[in-house]
Amino acid sequence: MSDFRGIWVALITPFREGEVDFVALQRLVERLLADGVSGLVVCGSTGEAAALSQGEQLAVLDAVLQWAPPQQVVMGLSGNNLRELLAFQHEVQQRSLAGLLVPAPCYIRPSQQGLERFFQTVADAATVPVVLYDIPYRTGVRIERETLRRIVRHPRIVAVKDCGGDAETTMALVADGNVNVLAGEDVQMFASQCLGAVGAISAAAHIRTDLFVQMHRLLERGDLLAARRTFFRLLPWIQNAFAEPNPAVIKYALALQGMVANELREPMQPTAAATAQVLHGVLQMLGDEPCAPLPGELQCVG
């Protein structure tokens, strides 16, 4: 069973001509594992799960499980229809995997008591560990600190992906010691790990994965100065990776490497030309690849 330490990549879902591109997916999974990631989070928000049918989500999960050990695979599980969510959870749990990543139900904005009941119900039905995904700017509801501290006492909830934006809550969770804390905001991963987070679930770590892994390992060894240098080397990329709605910029950067097609599902849109111009220069400075324009781009700027 995974303890969820280290760098976990919030995996994109590659598309080609409107369908899941399983060839590109395999290529990406194998490269990320070779670069030393602790694991992969499939069908989260970075994976455009909201634009995938349940059948497509299961197909993506099954494919990833062919190429990655089960203890390195977490599946996203979200929804605001609890009956349907539990039925899909049962289906997902027919597979061997490291855990489930579960956010609060979006749009309906339940009360704090409702949030407690929701996570208790999902955790009670879990046959694998649960990673609670605290991301109020996507769900529309904030899990208050004391509510969150109570929820994570459930024995099946073993970690929190922390996107709450509240350092005091992060510190409270670390101090309580009931769950492992994983940074969920890439720009905060260095600070969070210095506070006691055990790693991160990162979208930006698709690019220069080796440096993200290196930073984490340096922090585990206590080499703060070297880890900080690595983080500041990565920071311009991290900041630009989220200049547009995720995963547009991630997919553009991977397309520059020839890893995937630069394709998202509507209503998501490809990276704008102005962002792409800046990105070429950022990636050149990061030393990841030669600057190569995508088809239709007039020149490489950077």
C-alpha atoms as a PDB file:
ATOM      1  CA  MET A   1       0.000   0.000   0.000  1.00  0.00           C
ATOM      2  CA  SER A   2       1.329   3.449  -0.897  1.00  0.00           C
ATOM      3  CA  ASP A   3       1.988   6.048   1.786  1.00  0.00           C
ATOM      4  CA  PHE A   4       1.557   8.712  -0.925  1.00  0.00           C
ATOM      5  CA  ARG A   5       4.951  10.274  -0.308  1.00  0.00           C
ATOM      6  CA  GLY A   6       6.798  11.963  -3.146  1.00  0.00           C
ATOM      7  CA  ILE A   7       5.762  13.484  -6.453  1.00  0.00           C
ATOM      8  CA  TRP A   8       2.510  12.199  -7.933  1.00  0.00           C
ATOM      9  CA  VAL A   9       1.597  13.518 -11.367  1.00  0.00           C
ATOM     10  CA  ALA A  10      -1.977  14.610 -12.026  1.00  0.00           C
ATOM     11  CA  LEU A  11      -2.085  12.911 -15.406  1.00  0.00           C
ATOM     12  CA  ILE A  12      -3.479  14.553 -18.526  1.00  0.00           C
ATOM     13  CA  THR A  13      -5.703  12.559 -20.881  1.00  0.00           C
ATOM     14  CA  PRO A  14      -4.278  12.794 -24.423  1.00  0.00           C
ATOM     15  CA  PHE A  15      -6.769  13.130 -27.273  1.00  0.00           C
ATOM     16  CA  ARG A  16      -6.451  12.730 -31.017  1.00  0.00           C
ATOM     17  CA  GLU A  17      -9.334  13.616 -33.323  1.00  0.00           C
ATOM     18  CA  GLY A  18     -11.733  13.681 -30.397  1.00  0.00           C
ATOM     19  CA  GLU A  19     -10.875  10.279 -28.932  1.00  0.00           C
ATOM     20  CA  VAL A  20      -8.553   9.170 -26.141  1.00  0.00           C
ATOM     21  CA  ASP A  21      -5.089   8.618 -27.610  1.00  0.00           C
ATOM     22  CA  PHE A  22      -3.945   5.461 -25.834  1.00  0.00           C
ATOM     23  CA  VAL A  23      -0.650   5.301 -27.739  1.00  0.00           C
ATOM     24  CA  ALA A  24       0.315   8.746 -26.437  1.00  0.00           C
ATOM     25  CA  LEU A  25      -0.983   7.857 -22.996  1.00  0.00           C
ATOM     26  CA  GLN A  26       1.305   4.834 -22.794  1.00  0.00           C
ATOM     27  CA  ARG A  27       4.279   6.859 -23.980  1.00  0.00           C
ATOM     28  CA  LEU A  28       3.591   9.490 -21.322  1.00  0.00           C
ATOM     29  CA  VAL A  29       3.028   7.032 -18.476  1.00  0.00           C
ATOM     30  CA  GLU A  30       6.216   5.140 -19.237  1.00  0.00           C
ATOM     31  CA  ARG A  31       8.274   8.329 -19.356  1.00  0.00           C
ATOM     32  CA  LEU A  32       6.894   9.675 -16.066  1.00  0.00           C
ATOM     33  CA  LEU A  33       7.593   6.391 -14.293  1.00  0.00           C
ATOM     34  CA  ALA A  34      11.110   6.277 -15.740  1.00  0.00           C
ATOM     35  CA  ASP A  35      11.692   9.795 -14.415  1.00  0.00           C
ATOM     36  CA  GLY A  36      10.981   8.590 -10.879  1.00  0.00           C
ATOM     37  CA  VAL A  37       7.502   9.764  -9.949  1.00  0.00           C
ATOM     38  CA  SER A  38       5.905   8.085  -6.954  1.00  0.00           C
ATOM     39  CA  GLY A  39       2.651   7.619  -8.825  1.00  0.00           C
ATOM     40  CA  LEU A  40      -0.032   8.877 -11.184  1.00  0.00           C
ATOM     41  CA  VAL A  41      -3.450  10.369 -10.525  1.00  0.00           C
ATOM     42  CA  VAL A  42      -5.802   9.389 -13.344  1.00  0.00           C
ATOM     43  CA  CYS A  43      -9.002  11.197 -14.361  1.00  0.00           C
ATOM     44  CA  GLY A  44      -8.711  14.194 -12.086  1.00  0.00           C
ATOM     45  CA  SER A  45      -9.357  17.748 -13.186  1.00  0.00           C
ATOM     46  CA  THR A  46      -6.046  17.821 -15.111  1.00  0.00           C
ATOM     47  CA  GLY A  47      -7.225  14.654 -16.870  1.00  0.00           C
ATOM     48  CA  GLU A  48     -10.380  16.470 -18.059  1.00  0.00           C
ATOM     49  CA  ALA A  49     -12.493  13.858 -16.310  1.00  0.00           C
ATOM     50  CA  ALA A  50     -15.557  16.100 -16.471  1.00  0.00           C
ATOM     51  CA  ALA A  51     -15.388  15.801 -20.274  1.00  0.00           C
ATOM     52  CA  LEU A  52     -15.058  12.003 -20.208  1.00  0.00           C
ATOM     53  CA  SER A  53     -17.883   9.492 -19.951  1.00  0.00           C
ATOM     54  CA  GLN A  54     -17.649   6.945 -17.155  1.00  0.00           C
ATOM     55  CA  GLY A  55     -16.817   4.332 -19.773  1.00  0.00           C
ATOM     56  CA  GLU A  56     -13.935   6.442 -21.055  1.00  0.00           C
ATOM     57  CA  GLN A  57     -12.692   7.046 -17.521  1.00  0.00           C
ATOM     58  CA  LEU A  58     -12.624   3.306 -16.826  1.00  0.00           C
ATOM     59  CA  ALA A  59     -10.871   2.675 -20.133  1.00  0.00           C
ATOM     60  CA  VAL A  60      -8.177   5.229 -19.238  1.00  0.00           C
ATOM     61  CA  LEU A  61      -7.773   3.687 -15.790  1.00  0.00           C
ATOM     62  CA  ASP A  62      -7.536   0.153 -17.168  1.00  0.00           C
ATOM     63  CA  ALA A  63      -4.962   1.262 -19.726  1.00  0.00           C
ATOM     64  CA  VAL A  64      -2.777   2.994 -17.136  1.00  0.00           C
ATOM     65  CA  LEU A  65      -2.962  -0.094 -14.920  1.00  0.00           C
ATOM     66  CA  GLN A  66      -1.419  -2.095 -17.774  1.00  0.00           C
ATOM     67  CA  TRP A  67       1.704   0.080 -17.663  1.00  0.00           C
ATOM     68  CA  ALA A  68       1.960   1.161 -14.017  1.00  0.00           C
ATOM     69  CA  PRO A  69       1.932  -0.913 -10.809  1.00  0.00           C
ATOM     70  CA  PRO A  70      -1.396  -0.671  -8.965  1.00  0.00           C
ATOM     71  CA  GLN A  71       0.268   0.872  -5.918  1.00  0.00           C
ATOM     72  CA  GLN A  72       1.280   3.807  -8.120  1.00  0.00           C
ATOM     73  CA  VAL A  73      -2.173   4.600  -9.517  1.00  0.00           C
ATOM     74  CA  VAL A  74      -4.873   6.772  -7.923  1.00  0.00           C
ATOM     75  CA  MET A  75      -8.253   7.288  -9.601  1.00  0.00           C
ATOM     76  CA  GLY A  76     -10.230  10.519  -9.455  1.00  0.00           C
ATOM     77  CA  LEU A  77     -13.790  10.129  -8.191  1.00  0.00           C
ATOM     78  CA  SER A  78     -16.084  13.142  -8.243  1.00  0.00           C
ATOM     79  CA  GLY A  79     -19.738  14.001  -8.602  1.00  0.00           C
ATOM     80  CA  ASN A  80     -22.712  15.529  -6.847  1.00  0.00           C
ATOM     81  CA  ASN A  81     -25.165  12.651  -7.309  1.00  0.00           C
ATOM     82  CA  LEU A  82     -24.187  10.460  -4.387  1.00  0.00           C
ATOM     83  CA  ARG A  83     -25.969   7.327  -5.606  1.00  0.00           C
ATOM     84  CA  GLU A  84     -24.274   7.490  -8.979  1.00  0.00           C
ATOM     85  CA  LEU A  85     -20.961   8.303  -7.336  1.00  0.00           C
ATOM     86  CA  LEU A  86     -21.165   5.261  -5.057  1.00  0.00           C
ATOM     87  CA  ALA A  87     -22.091   3.017  -7.982  1.00  0.00           C
ATOM     88  CA  PHE A  88     -19.096   4.288  -9.966  1.00  0.00           C
ATOM     89  CA  GLN A  89     -16.894   3.913  -6.895  1.00  0.00           C
ATOM     90  CA  HIS A  90     -17.941   0.265  -6.667  1.00  0.00           C
ATOM     91  CA  GLU A  91     -17.051  -0.237 -10.329  1.00  0.00           C
ATOM     92  CA  VAL A  92     -13.651   1.435  -9.960  1.00  0.00           C
ATOM     93  CA  GLN A  93     -12.867  -0.614  -6.863  1.00  0.00           C
ATOM     94  CA  GLN A  94     -13.093  -3.836  -8.848  1.00  0.00           C
ATOM     95  CA  ARG A  95      -9.539  -2.939  -9.887  1.00  0.00           C
ATOM     96  CA  SER A  96      -6.423  -3.022  -7.737  1.00  0.00           C
ATOM     97  CA  LEU A  97      -5.167   0.527  -7.214  1.00  0.00           C
ATOM     98  CA  ALA A  98      -3.498   2.745  -4.641  1.00  0.00           C
ATOM     99  CA  GLY A  99      -6.517   4.868  -3.836  1.00  0.00           C
ATOM    100  CA  LEU A 100      -9.228   7.314  -4.810  1.00  0.00           C
ATOM    101  CA  LEU A 101      -8.935  11.099  -5.039  1.00  0.00           C
ATOM    102  CA  VAL A 102     -12.264  12.561  -3.881  1.00  0.00           C
ATOM    103  CA  PRO A 103     -13.263  16.255  -3.829  1.00  0.00           C
ATOM    104  CA  ALA A 104     -16.334  17.755  -2.225  1.00  0.00           C
ATOM    105  CA  PRO A 105     -19.427  17.629  -4.443  1.00  0.00           C
ATOM    106  CA  CYS A 106     -19.413  20.636  -6.745  1.00  0.00           C
ATOM    107  CA  TYR A 107     -22.148  23.192  -7.437  1.00  0.00           C
ATOM    108  CA  ILE A 108     -24.605  22.157  -4.701  1.00  0.00           C
ATOM    109  CA  ARG A 109     -22.529  23.712  -1.893  1.00  0.00           C
ATOM    110  CA  PRO A 110     -23.583  21.489   1.024  1.00  0.00           C
ATOM    111  CA  SER A 111     -23.347  22.555   4.651  1.00  0.00           C
ATOM    112  CA  GLN A 112     -20.405  21.547   6.813  1.00  0.00           C
ATOM    113  CA  GLN A 113     -22.517  18.729   8.246  1.00  0.00           C
ATOM    114  CA  GLY A 114     -23.386  17.691   4.699  1.00  0.00           C
ATOM    115  CA  LEU A 115     -19.712  17.620   3.778  1.00  0.00           C
ATOM    116  CA  GLU A 116     -18.916  15.417   6.759  1.00  0.00           C
ATOM    117  CA  ARG A 117     -21.690  13.016   5.807  1.00  0.00           C
ATOM    118  CA  PHE A 118     -20.567  12.953   2.176  1.00  0.00           C
ATOM    119  CA  PHE A 119     -16.962  12.028   2.938  1.00  0.00           C
ATOM    120  CA  GLN A 120     -17.980   9.572   5.645  1.00  0.00           C
ATOM    121  CA  THR A 121     -20.299   7.799   3.208  1.00  0.00           C
ATOM    122  CA  VAL A 122     -17.645   7.578   0.481  1.00  0.00           C
ATOM    123  CA  ALA A 123     -14.977   6.477   2.960  1.00  0.00           C
ATOM    124  CA  ASP A 124     -17.285   3.860   4.496  1.00  0.00           C
ATOM    125  CA  ALA A 125     -17.810   2.417   1.005  1.00  0.00           C
ATOM    126  CA  ALA A 126     -14.094   2.494   0.173  1.00  0.00           C
ATOM    127  CA  THR A 127     -12.094  -0.698  -0.129  1.00  0.00           C
ATOM    128  CA  VAL A 128      -8.962   1.306  -0.993  1.00  0.00           C
ATOM    129  CA  PRO A 129      -7.423   4.372   0.682  1.00  0.00           C
ATOM    130  CA  VAL A 130      -9.059   7.754   0.087  1.00  0.00           C
ATOM    131  CA  VAL A 131      -7.202  10.980  -0.638  1.00  0.00           C
ATOM    132  CA  LEU A 132      -9.457  13.926   0.188  1.00  0.00           C
ATOM    133  CA  TYR A 133      -9.148  16.685  -2.424  1.00  0.00           C
ATOM    134  CA  ASP A 134      -9.627  20.083  -0.778  1.00  0.00           C
ATOM    135  CA  ILE A 135     -10.105  22.547  -3.643  1.00  0.00           C
ATOM    136  CA  PRO A 136     -12.814  25.112  -2.832  1.00  0.00           C
ATOM    137  CA  TYR A 137     -12.289  27.253  -5.938  1.00  0.00           C
ATOM    138  CA  ARG A 138     -13.415  24.322  -8.106  1.00  0.00           C
ATOM    139  CA  THR A 139     -16.129  22.843  -5.915  1.00  0.00           C
ATOM    140  CA  GLY A 140     -17.658  26.139  -4.757  1.00  0.00           C
ATOM    141  CA  VAL A 141     -17.644  25.107  -1.103  1.00  0.00           C
ATOM    142  CA  ARG A 142     -14.976  25.501   1.570  1.00  0.00           C
ATOM    143  CA  ILE A 143     -14.341  22.683   4.011  1.00  0.00           C
ATOM    144  CA  GLU A 144     -13.742  24.613   7.214  1.00  0.00           C
ATOM    145  CA  ARG A 145     -10.632  23.742   9.179  1.00  0.00           C
ATOM    146  CA  GLU A 146     -12.350  22.012  12.078  1.00  0.00           C
ATOM    147  CA  THR A 147     -14.660  20.136   9.705  1.00  0.00           C
ATOM    148  CA  LEU A 148     -11.661  18.921   7.738  1.00  0.00           C
ATOM    149  CA  ARG A 149      -9.843  17.859  10.899  1.00  0.00           C
ATOM    150  CA  ARG A 150     -12.845  15.770  11.919  1.00  0.00           C
ATOM    151  CA  ILE A 151     -13.350  14.231   8.473  1.00  0.00           C
ATOM    152  CA  VAL A 152      -9.762  12.975   8.175  1.00  0.00           C
ATOM    153  CA  ARG A 153     -10.048  10.951  11.364  1.00  0.00           C
ATOM    154  CA  HIS A 154     -11.832   8.325   9.283  1.00  0.00           C
ATOM    155  CA  PRO A 155      -9.424   5.367   9.012  1.00  0.00           C
ATOM    156  CA  ARG A 156      -9.880   5.066   5.238  1.00  0.00           C
ATOM    157  CA  ILE A 157      -8.919   8.703   4.591  1.00  0.00           C
ATOM    158  CA  VAL A 158      -5.136   8.606   4.516  1.00  0.00           C
ATOM    159  CA  ALA A 159      -4.093  11.831   2.772  1.00  0.00           C
ATOM    160  CA  VAL A 160      -5.261  15.282   1.734  1.00  0.00           C
ATOM    161  CA  LYS A 161      -4.482  16.981  -1.571  1.00  0.00           C
ATOM    162  CA  ASP A 162      -4.220  20.487  -0.188  1.00  0.00           C
ATOM    163  CA  CYS A 163      -5.472  23.221  -2.505  1.00  0.00           C
ATOM    164  CA  GLY A 164      -7.285  25.141   0.223  1.00  0.00           C
ATOM    165  CA  GLY A 165      -4.881  28.068   0.212  1.00  0.00           C
ATOM    166  CA  ASP A 166      -4.752  28.309   4.014  1.00  0.00           C
ATOM    167  CA  ALA A 167      -1.317  27.717   5.565  1.00  0.00           C
ATOM    168  CA  GLU A 168      -2.821  27.465   9.055  1.00  0.00           C
ATOM    169  CA  THR A 169      -5.029  24.584   7.957  1.00  0.00           C
ATOM    170  CA  THR A 170      -2.033  22.906   6.315  1.00  0.00           C
ATOM    171  CA  MET A 171      -0.069  23.217   9.548  1.00  0.00           C
ATOM    172  CA  ALA A 172      -2.994  21.957  11.625  1.00  0.00           C
ATOM    173  CA  LEU A 173      -3.320  18.835   9.481  1.00  0.00           C
ATOM    174  CA  VAL A 174       0.417  18.188   9.679  1.00  0.00           C
ATOM    175  CA  ALA A 175       0.473  18.746  13.436  1.00  0.00           C
ATOM    176  CA  ASP A 176      -2.540  16.478  14.030  1.00  0.00           C
ATOM    177  CA  GLY A 177      -0.808  13.632  12.213  1.00  0.00           C
ATOM    178  CA  ASN A 178      -4.030  11.887  11.202  1.00  0.00           C
ATOM    179  CA  VAL A 179      -3.306  12.089   7.452  1.00  0.00           C
ATOM    180  CA  ASN A 180      -0.430  12.757   5.105  1.00  0.00           C
ATOM    181  CA  VAL A 181      -0.607  16.149   3.420  1.00  0.00           C
ATOM    182  CA  LEU A 182       0.205  16.503  -0.278  1.00  0.00           C
ATOM    183  CA  ALA A 183       0.637  19.934  -1.828  1.00  0.00           C
ATOM    184  CA  GLY A 184      -1.956  20.436  -4.531  1.00  0.00           C
ATOM    185  CA  GLU A 185      -0.961  23.912  -5.682  1.00  0.00           C
ATOM    186  CA  ASP A 186       2.302  23.557  -7.577  1.00  0.00           C
ATOM    187  CA  VAL A 187       3.535  27.020  -6.667  1.00  0.00           C
ATOM    188  CA  GLN A 188       3.194  26.124  -2.970  1.00  0.00           C
ATOM    189  CA  MET A 189       4.834  22.693  -3.074  1.00  0.00           C
ATOM    190  CA  PHE A 190       8.211  23.796  -1.730  1.00  0.00           C
ATOM    191  CA  ALA A 191       6.720  25.761   1.172  1.00  0.00           C
ATOM    192  CA  SER A 192       4.203  23.014   1.963  1.00  0.00           C
ATOM    193  CA  GLN A 193       6.891  20.355   2.123  1.00  0.00           C
ATOM    194  CA  CYS A 194       8.980  22.586   4.385  1.00  0.00           C
ATOM    195  CA  LEU A 195       5.929  22.753   6.681  1.00  0.00           C
ATOM    196  CA  GLY A 196       5.620  18.959   6.746  1.00  0.00           C
ATOM    197  CA  ALA A 197       3.733  17.899   3.626  1.00  0.00           C
ATOM    198  CA  VAL A 198       5.068  14.546   2.406  1.00  0.00           C
ATOM    199  CA  GLY A 199       4.973  15.395  -1.301  1.00  0.00           C
ATOM    200  CA  ALA A 200       2.743  16.821  -3.995  1.00  0.00           C
ATOM    201  CA  ILE A 201       0.147  15.945  -6.593  1.00  0.00           C
ATOM    202  CA  SER A 202       1.414  18.075  -9.443  1.00  0.00           C
ATOM    203  CA  ALA A 203       0.261  18.882 -12.966  1.00  0.00           C
ATOM    204  CA  ALA A 204       3.359  20.917 -13.813  1.00  0.00           C
ATOM    205  CA  ALA A 205       5.552  17.866 -13.097  1.00  0.00           C
ATOM    206  CA  HIS A 206       4.717  16.532 -16.572  1.00  0.00           C
ATOM    207  CA  ILE A 207       7.643  18.739 -17.674  1.00  0.00           C
ATOM    208  CA  ARG A 208      11.136  18.280 -16.186  1.00  0.00           C
ATOM    209  CA  THR A 209       9.748  15.561 -13.987  1.00  0.00           C
ATOM    210  CA  ASP A 210      13.295  14.749 -12.964  1.00  0.00           C
ATOM    211  CA  LEU A 211      13.718  18.159 -11.332  1.00  0.00           C
ATOM    212  CA  PHE A 212      10.470  17.867  -9.370  1.00  0.00           C
ATOM    213  CA  VAL A 213      11.569  14.457  -8.105  1.00  0.00           C
ATOM    214  CA  GLN A 214      15.031  15.826  -7.328  1.00  0.00           C
ATOM    215  CA  MET A 215      13.567  18.707  -5.305  1.00  0.00           C
ATOM    216  CA  HIS A 216      11.482  16.323  -3.212  1.00  0.00           C
ATOM    217  CA  ARG A 217      14.409  14.005  -2.560  1.00  0.00           C
ATOM    218  CA  LEU A 218      16.622  16.925  -1.534  1.00  0.00           C
ATOM    219  CA  LEU A 219      13.973  18.069   0.934  1.00  0.00           C
ATOM    220  CA  GLU A 220      13.694  14.571   2.369  1.00  0.00           C
ATOM    221  CA  ARG A 221      17.470  14.580   2.885  1.00  0.00           C
ATOM    222  CA  GLY A 222      17.268  17.984   4.569  1.00  0.00           C
ATOM    223  CA  ASP A 223      19.267  19.788   1.886  1.00  0.00           C
ATOM    224  CA  LEU A 224      17.123  22.901   1.978  1.00  0.00           C
ATOM    225  CA  LEU A 225      19.410  25.171  -0.037  1.00  0.00           C
ATOM    226  CA  ALA A 226      19.773  22.761  -2.951  1.00  0.00           C
ATOM    227  CA  ALA A 227      16.045  22.020  -2.912  1.00  0.00           C
ATOM    228  CA  ARG A 228      15.262  25.729  -2.956  1.00  0.00           C
ATOM    229  CA  ARG A 229      17.577  26.283  -5.928  1.00  0.00           C
ATOM    230  CA  THR A 230      15.804  23.507  -7.791  1.00  0.00           C
ATOM    231  CA  PHE A 231      12.400  24.964  -6.968  1.00  0.00           C
ATOM    232  CA  PHE A 232      13.353  28.433  -8.174  1.00  0.00           C
ATOM    233  CA  ARG A 233      14.655  26.893 -11.373  1.00  0.00           C
ATOM    234  CA  LEU A 234      11.225  25.328 -11.869  1.00  0.00           C
ATOM    235  CA  LEU A 235       9.212  28.344 -10.723  1.00  0.00           C
ATOM    236  CA  PRO A 236       8.908  30.243 -14.048  1.00  0.00           C
ATOM    237  CA  TRP A 237       7.559  27.065 -15.669  1.00  0.00           C
ATOM    238  CA  ILE A 238       5.156  26.435 -12.764  1.00  0.00           C
ATOM    239  CA  GLN A 239       3.824  29.979 -12.957  1.00  0.00           C
ATOM    240  CA  ASN A 240       3.310  29.806 -16.719  1.00  0.00           C
ATOM    241  CA  ALA A 241       1.829  26.302 -16.616  1.00  0.00           C
ATOM    242  CA  PHE A 242      -1.335  27.756 -15.107  1.00  0.00           C
ATOM    243  CA  ALA A 243      -1.505  30.971 -17.114  1.00  0.00           C
ATOM    244  CA  GLU A 244      -4.591  29.480 -18.799  1.00  0.00           C
ATOM    245  CA  PRO A 245      -7.160  26.960 -17.570  1.00  0.00           C
ATOM    246  CA  ASN A 246      -5.443  23.667 -16.810  1.00  0.00           C
ATOM    247  CA  PRO A 247      -4.410  21.515 -18.703  1.00  0.00           C
ATOM    248  CA  ALA A 248      -4.125  23.724 -21.810  1.00  0.00           C
ATOM    249  CA  VAL A 249      -0.549  24.858 -21.199  1.00  0.00           C
ATOM    250  CA  ILE A 250       0.580  21.416 -20.004  1.00  0.00           C
ATOM    251  CA  LYS A 251      -0.702  19.844 -23.208  1.00  0.00           C
ATOM    252  CA  TYR A 252       0.934  22.547 -25.319  1.00  0.00           C
ATOM    253  CA  ALA A 253       4.294  21.931 -23.641  1.00  0.00           C
ATOM    254  CA  LEU A 254       3.973  18.169 -24.111  1.00  0.00           C
ATOM    255  CA  ALA A 255       3.003  18.702 -27.741  1.00  0.00           C
ATOM    256  CA  LEU A 256       6.211  20.676 -28.253  1.00  0.00           C
ATOM    257  CA  GLN A 257       8.042  17.535 -27.151  1.00  0.00           C
ATOM    258  CA  GLY A 258       6.044  15.361 -29.541  1.00  0.00           C
ATOM    259  CA  MET A 259       4.495  13.463 -26.631  1.00  0.00           C
ATOM    260  CA  VAL A 260       0.823  14.245 -27.328  1.00  0.00           C
ATOM    261  CA  ALA A 261      -1.381  16.166 -29.725  1.00  0.00           C
ATOM    262  CA  ASN A 262      -2.225  19.715 -28.685  1.00  0.00           C
ATOM    263  CA  GLU A 263      -5.892  18.828 -28.262  1.00  0.00           C
ATOM    264  CA  LEU A 264      -8.444  19.404 -25.508  1.00  0.00           C
ATOM    265  CA  ARG A 265     -12.165  18.717 -25.301  1.00  0.00           C
ATOM    266  CA  GLU A 266     -14.631  21.554 -25.611  1.00  0.00           C
ATOM    267  CA  PRO A 267     -15.265  23.876 -23.944  1.00  0.00           C
ATOM    268  CA  MET A 268     -11.555  23.804 -23.032  1.00  0.00           C
ATOM    269  CA  GLN A 269      -9.459  25.736 -25.534  1.00  0.00           C
ATOM    270  CA  PRO A 270      -5.849  25.350 -26.732  1.00  0.00           C
ATOM    271  CA  THR A 271      -3.187  27.696 -25.436  1.00  0.00           C
ATOM    272  CA  ALA A 272      -3.386  31.209 -26.872  1.00  0.00           C
ATOM    273  CA  ALA A 273      -0.611  32.469 -29.124  1.00  0.00           C
ATOM    274  CA  ALA A 274       0.587  35.079 -26.613  1.00  0.00           C
ATOM    275  CA  THR A 275       0.966  32.473 -23.879  1.00  0.00           C
ATOM    276  CA  ALA A 276       2.705  30.123 -26.296  1.00  0.00           C
ATOM    277  CA  GLN A 277       5.289  32.779 -27.177  1.00  0.00           C
ATOM    278  CA  VAL A 278       6.212  33.264 -23.532  1.00  0.00           C
ATOM    279  CA  LEU A 279       6.231  29.528 -22.939  1.00  0.00           C
ATOM    280  CA  HIS A 280       8.846  28.824 -25.603  1.00  0.00           C
ATOM    281  CA  GLY A 281      11.301  31.050 -23.795  1.00  0.00           C
ATOM    282  CA  VAL A 282      10.463  29.606 -20.382  1.00  0.00           C
ATOM    283  CA  LEU A 283      11.020  26.046 -21.595  1.00  0.00           C
ATOM    284  CA  GLN A 284      14.293  26.983 -23.265  1.00  0.00           C
ATOM    285  CA  MET A 285      15.555  28.457 -19.990  1.00  0.00           C
ATOM    286  CA  LEU A 286      14.447  25.323 -18.165  1.00  0.00           C
ATOM    287  CA  GLY A 287      16.584  23.303 -20.549  1.00  0.00           C
ATOM    288  CA  ASP A 288      13.909  20.738 -21.328  1.00  0.00           C
ATOM    289  CA  GLU A 289      13.965  20.704 -25.098  1.00  0.00           C
ATOM    290  CA  PRO A 290      14.921  22.586 -28.227  1.00  0.00           C
ATOM    291  CA  CYS A 291      12.415  25.260 -29.122  1.00  0.00           C
ATOM    292  CA  ALA A 292      10.327  23.876 -31.971  1.00  0.00           C
ATOM    293  CA  PRO A 293       7.141  25.534 -33.246  1.00  0.00           C
ATOM    294  CA  LEU A 294       4.013  23.456 -33.531  1.00  0.00           C
ATOM    295  CA  PRO A 295       2.305  23.130 -36.928  1.00  0.00           C
ATOM    296  CA  GLY A 296       0.725  26.456 -37.801  1.00  0.00           C
ATOM    297  CA  GLU A 297       3.130  28.535 -35.725  1.00  0.00           C
ATOM    298  CA  LEU A 298       5.204  30.921 -37.783  1.00  0.00           C
ATOM    299  CA  GLN A 299       8.348  30.824 -35.710  1.00  0.00           C
ATOM    300  CA  CYS A 300       9.856  29.817 -32.409  1.00  0.00           C
ATOM    301  CA  VAL A 301      10.046  32.719 -30.034  1.00  0.00           C
ATOM    302  CA  GLY A 302      12.333  32.619 -27.036  1.00  0.00           C
END
